[in-house]
N, C-alpha and C. Protein backbone atom coordinates (compact mmCIF):
# COMPACT_ATOMS: atom_id res chain seq x y z
N UNK A 1 93.32 32.57 35.80
CA UNK A 1 92.38 31.83 36.33
C UNK A 1 93.02 30.44 37.08
N UNK A 2 92.55 29.91 37.98
CA UNK A 2 93.04 28.78 38.63
C UNK A 2 94.16 28.98 39.47
N UNK A 3 94.57 30.32 39.71
CA UNK A 3 95.84 30.69 40.44
C UNK A 3 95.45 31.41 41.87
N UNK A 4 96.11 31.25 42.74
CA UNK A 4 95.78 31.73 43.86
C UNK A 4 96.44 33.18 44.06
N UNK A 5 95.66 34.27 44.18
CA UNK A 5 96.14 35.50 44.20
C UNK A 5 96.57 35.95 45.69
N UNK A 6 97.81 36.78 45.77
CA UNK A 6 98.30 37.20 47.07
C UNK A 6 97.40 38.13 47.47
N UNK A 7 96.63 37.82 48.55
CA UNK A 7 95.65 38.78 49.32
C UNK A 7 96.42 39.94 50.00
N UNK A 8 97.61 39.93 50.22
CA UNK A 8 98.32 40.90 50.87
C UNK A 8 98.94 42.01 50.07
N UNK A 9 98.73 41.70 48.77
CA UNK A 9 99.27 42.81 47.88
C UNK A 9 98.25 44.07 47.62
N UNK A 10 98.79 45.08 47.41
CA UNK A 10 98.01 46.21 47.13
C UNK A 10 97.37 46.18 45.76
N UNK A 11 96.01 46.36 45.85
CA UNK A 11 95.27 46.31 44.47
C UNK A 11 95.16 47.74 43.79
N UNK A 12 95.50 47.68 42.74
CA UNK A 12 95.38 48.91 41.84
C UNK A 12 93.99 49.09 41.22
N UNK A 13 93.64 50.31 41.01
CA UNK A 13 92.35 50.45 40.49
C UNK A 13 92.04 49.68 39.14
N UNK A 14 93.22 49.44 38.42
CA UNK A 14 93.16 48.62 37.17
C UNK A 14 92.84 47.40 37.55
N UNK A 15 93.59 46.73 38.51
CA UNK A 15 93.52 45.43 39.01
C UNK A 15 92.13 45.12 39.33
N UNK A 16 91.53 46.00 40.24
CA UNK A 16 90.17 45.78 40.83
C UNK A 16 89.21 45.83 39.62
N UNK A 17 89.41 46.67 38.74
CA UNK A 17 88.53 46.67 37.47
C UNK A 17 88.57 45.39 36.66
N UNK A 18 89.79 44.94 36.35
CA UNK A 18 89.98 43.83 35.62
C UNK A 18 89.18 42.49 36.40
N UNK A 19 89.46 42.48 37.76
CA UNK A 19 88.89 41.34 38.67
C UNK A 19 87.37 41.48 38.65
N UNK A 20 86.75 42.73 38.70
CA UNK A 20 85.36 42.93 38.75
C UNK A 20 84.75 42.46 37.24
N UNK A 21 85.48 42.89 36.19
CA UNK A 21 84.95 42.47 34.77
C UNK A 21 85.11 41.11 34.72
N UNK A 22 86.10 40.52 35.05
CA UNK A 22 86.23 38.73 35.01
C UNK A 22 85.14 38.16 35.93
N UNK A 23 84.90 38.74 37.10
CA UNK A 23 83.96 38.09 37.81
C UNK A 23 82.59 38.24 37.20
N UNK A 24 82.23 39.48 36.67
CA UNK A 24 80.87 39.59 36.01
C UNK A 24 80.74 38.61 34.84
N UNK A 25 81.95 38.55 33.96
CA UNK A 25 81.88 37.81 32.66
C UNK A 25 81.72 36.37 33.27
N UNK A 26 82.44 35.81 34.40
CA UNK A 26 82.08 34.50 34.85
C UNK A 26 80.75 34.24 35.36
N UNK A 27 80.13 35.17 35.88
CA UNK A 27 78.71 34.89 36.47
C UNK A 27 77.85 34.74 35.30
N UNK A 28 78.05 35.57 34.28
CA UNK A 28 77.14 35.54 32.97
C UNK A 28 77.25 34.04 32.38
N UNK A 29 78.61 33.63 32.44
CA UNK A 29 78.84 32.39 31.76
C UNK A 29 78.24 31.17 32.54
N UNK A 30 78.14 31.33 33.88
CA UNK A 30 77.43 30.41 34.58
C UNK A 30 75.99 30.44 34.55
N UNK A 31 75.30 31.52 34.38
CA UNK A 31 73.85 31.67 34.09
C UNK A 31 73.66 31.11 32.72
N UNK A 32 74.56 31.31 31.73
CA UNK A 32 74.32 30.85 30.41
C UNK A 32 74.44 29.39 30.28
N UNK A 33 75.39 28.70 31.18
CA UNK A 33 75.44 27.28 31.12
C UNK A 33 74.35 26.63 31.87
N UNK A 34 73.88 27.47 32.99
CA UNK A 34 72.70 26.93 33.63
C UNK A 34 71.39 26.78 32.58
N UNK A 35 71.32 27.84 31.91
CA UNK A 35 70.18 27.87 30.90
C UNK A 35 70.37 26.76 29.84
N UNK A 36 71.66 26.62 29.38
CA UNK A 36 71.91 25.47 28.54
C UNK A 36 71.52 24.19 29.03
N UNK A 37 71.76 24.04 30.34
CA UNK A 37 71.57 22.88 30.98
C UNK A 37 70.06 22.58 31.01
N UNK A 38 69.16 23.43 31.49
CA UNK A 38 67.88 23.34 31.54
C UNK A 38 67.29 23.06 30.16
N UNK A 39 67.80 23.60 29.22
CA UNK A 39 67.37 23.38 27.74
C UNK A 39 67.59 22.00 27.44
N UNK A 40 68.70 21.58 27.66
CA UNK A 40 69.08 20.16 27.43
C UNK A 40 68.23 19.19 28.08
N UNK A 41 68.16 19.28 29.40
CA UNK A 41 67.13 18.47 30.20
C UNK A 41 65.83 18.49 29.60
N UNK A 42 65.26 19.63 29.20
CA UNK A 42 63.97 19.60 28.67
C UNK A 42 63.89 18.78 27.29
N UNK A 43 65.00 18.86 26.39
CA UNK A 43 65.03 18.10 25.25
C UNK A 43 65.17 16.50 25.58
N UNK A 44 65.92 16.25 26.60
CA UNK A 44 66.24 14.88 26.85
C UNK A 44 64.82 14.24 27.48
N UNK A 45 64.12 15.06 28.26
CA UNK A 45 62.83 14.58 28.76
C UNK A 45 61.83 14.30 27.70
N UNK A 46 61.83 15.30 26.53
CA UNK A 46 60.93 15.22 25.36
C UNK A 46 61.46 14.03 24.67
N UNK A 47 62.77 13.57 24.49
CA UNK A 47 63.12 12.50 23.59
C UNK A 47 62.86 11.16 24.45
N UNK A 48 62.88 11.22 25.58
CA UNK A 48 62.55 9.97 26.31
C UNK A 48 60.97 9.65 26.14
N UNK A 49 60.22 10.78 26.28
CA UNK A 49 58.89 10.66 26.05
C UNK A 49 58.34 10.01 24.83
N UNK A 50 59.00 10.58 23.74
CA UNK A 50 58.70 10.23 22.42
C UNK A 50 59.36 8.77 22.26
N UNK A 51 60.35 8.37 22.66
CA UNK A 51 60.67 7.03 22.81
C UNK A 51 59.85 6.10 23.36
N UNK A 52 59.32 6.41 24.47
CA UNK A 52 58.28 5.57 25.26
C UNK A 52 57.04 5.43 24.29
N UNK A 53 56.58 6.60 23.74
CA UNK A 53 55.44 6.48 22.85
C UNK A 53 55.70 5.57 21.61
N UNK A 54 56.83 5.77 21.00
CA UNK A 54 57.29 4.93 19.93
C UNK A 54 57.28 3.43 20.27
N UNK A 55 57.81 3.15 21.43
CA UNK A 55 57.76 1.60 21.91
C UNK A 55 56.56 1.08 22.09
N UNK A 56 55.44 1.91 22.67
CA UNK A 56 54.10 1.53 22.76
C UNK A 56 53.48 1.29 21.50
N UNK A 57 53.85 2.18 20.41
CA UNK A 57 53.25 2.15 19.28
C UNK A 57 53.82 0.69 18.50
N UNK A 58 55.04 0.58 18.66
CA UNK A 58 55.58 -0.60 17.94
C UNK A 58 54.83 -1.90 18.49
N UNK A 59 54.68 -1.95 19.90
CA UNK A 59 54.18 -3.11 20.50
C UNK A 59 52.71 -3.20 19.91
N UNK A 60 51.95 -2.21 19.80
CA UNK A 60 50.64 -2.26 19.24
C UNK A 60 50.49 -2.84 17.69
N UNK A 61 51.47 -2.38 16.96
CA UNK A 61 51.76 -2.85 15.46
C UNK A 61 52.10 -4.33 15.63
N UNK A 62 52.95 -4.74 16.24
CA UNK A 62 53.48 -6.15 16.59
C UNK A 62 52.31 -7.00 16.85
N UNK A 63 51.41 -6.64 17.85
CA UNK A 63 50.22 -7.13 18.18
C UNK A 63 49.25 -7.33 17.03
N UNK A 64 49.14 -6.25 16.32
CA UNK A 64 48.13 -6.21 15.21
C UNK A 64 48.64 -7.34 14.16
N UNK A 65 49.92 -7.33 13.92
CA UNK A 65 50.59 -8.33 12.93
C UNK A 65 50.32 -9.68 13.36
N UNK A 66 50.64 -9.94 14.59
CA UNK A 66 50.32 -11.32 15.29
C UNK A 66 49.02 -11.81 15.02
N UNK A 67 48.01 -10.90 15.48
CA UNK A 67 46.58 -11.21 15.31
C UNK A 67 46.16 -11.41 13.95
N UNK A 68 46.64 -10.66 13.05
CA UNK A 68 46.48 -10.62 11.76
C UNK A 68 46.98 -12.15 11.01
N UNK A 69 47.85 -12.47 11.57
CA UNK A 69 48.43 -13.76 11.09
C UNK A 69 47.91 -14.99 11.64
N UNK A 70 47.05 -14.93 12.72
CA UNK A 70 46.63 -15.96 13.43
C UNK A 70 45.08 -16.27 12.95
N UNK A 71 44.54 -15.17 12.12
CA UNK A 71 43.16 -15.45 11.59
C UNK A 71 43.04 -16.37 10.52
N UNK A 72 42.18 -17.20 10.51
CA UNK A 72 42.12 -18.27 9.52
C UNK A 72 41.43 -17.73 8.29
């Protein structure tokens, strides 16, 4: 991988089969990485949503504590 192959050489059946197999394997890896990326993006979105919810809840609790402390 990462090497430029001489395009003017004669390809043997074995070479063609190896390259075809390698190509299929790389395509499968790309599909798997794309799926992993989507999963991680969904998890990140959920974590951000949870954080926003928790921030709002903390603000509400702080306001309740402040209001409870001001009552005579």
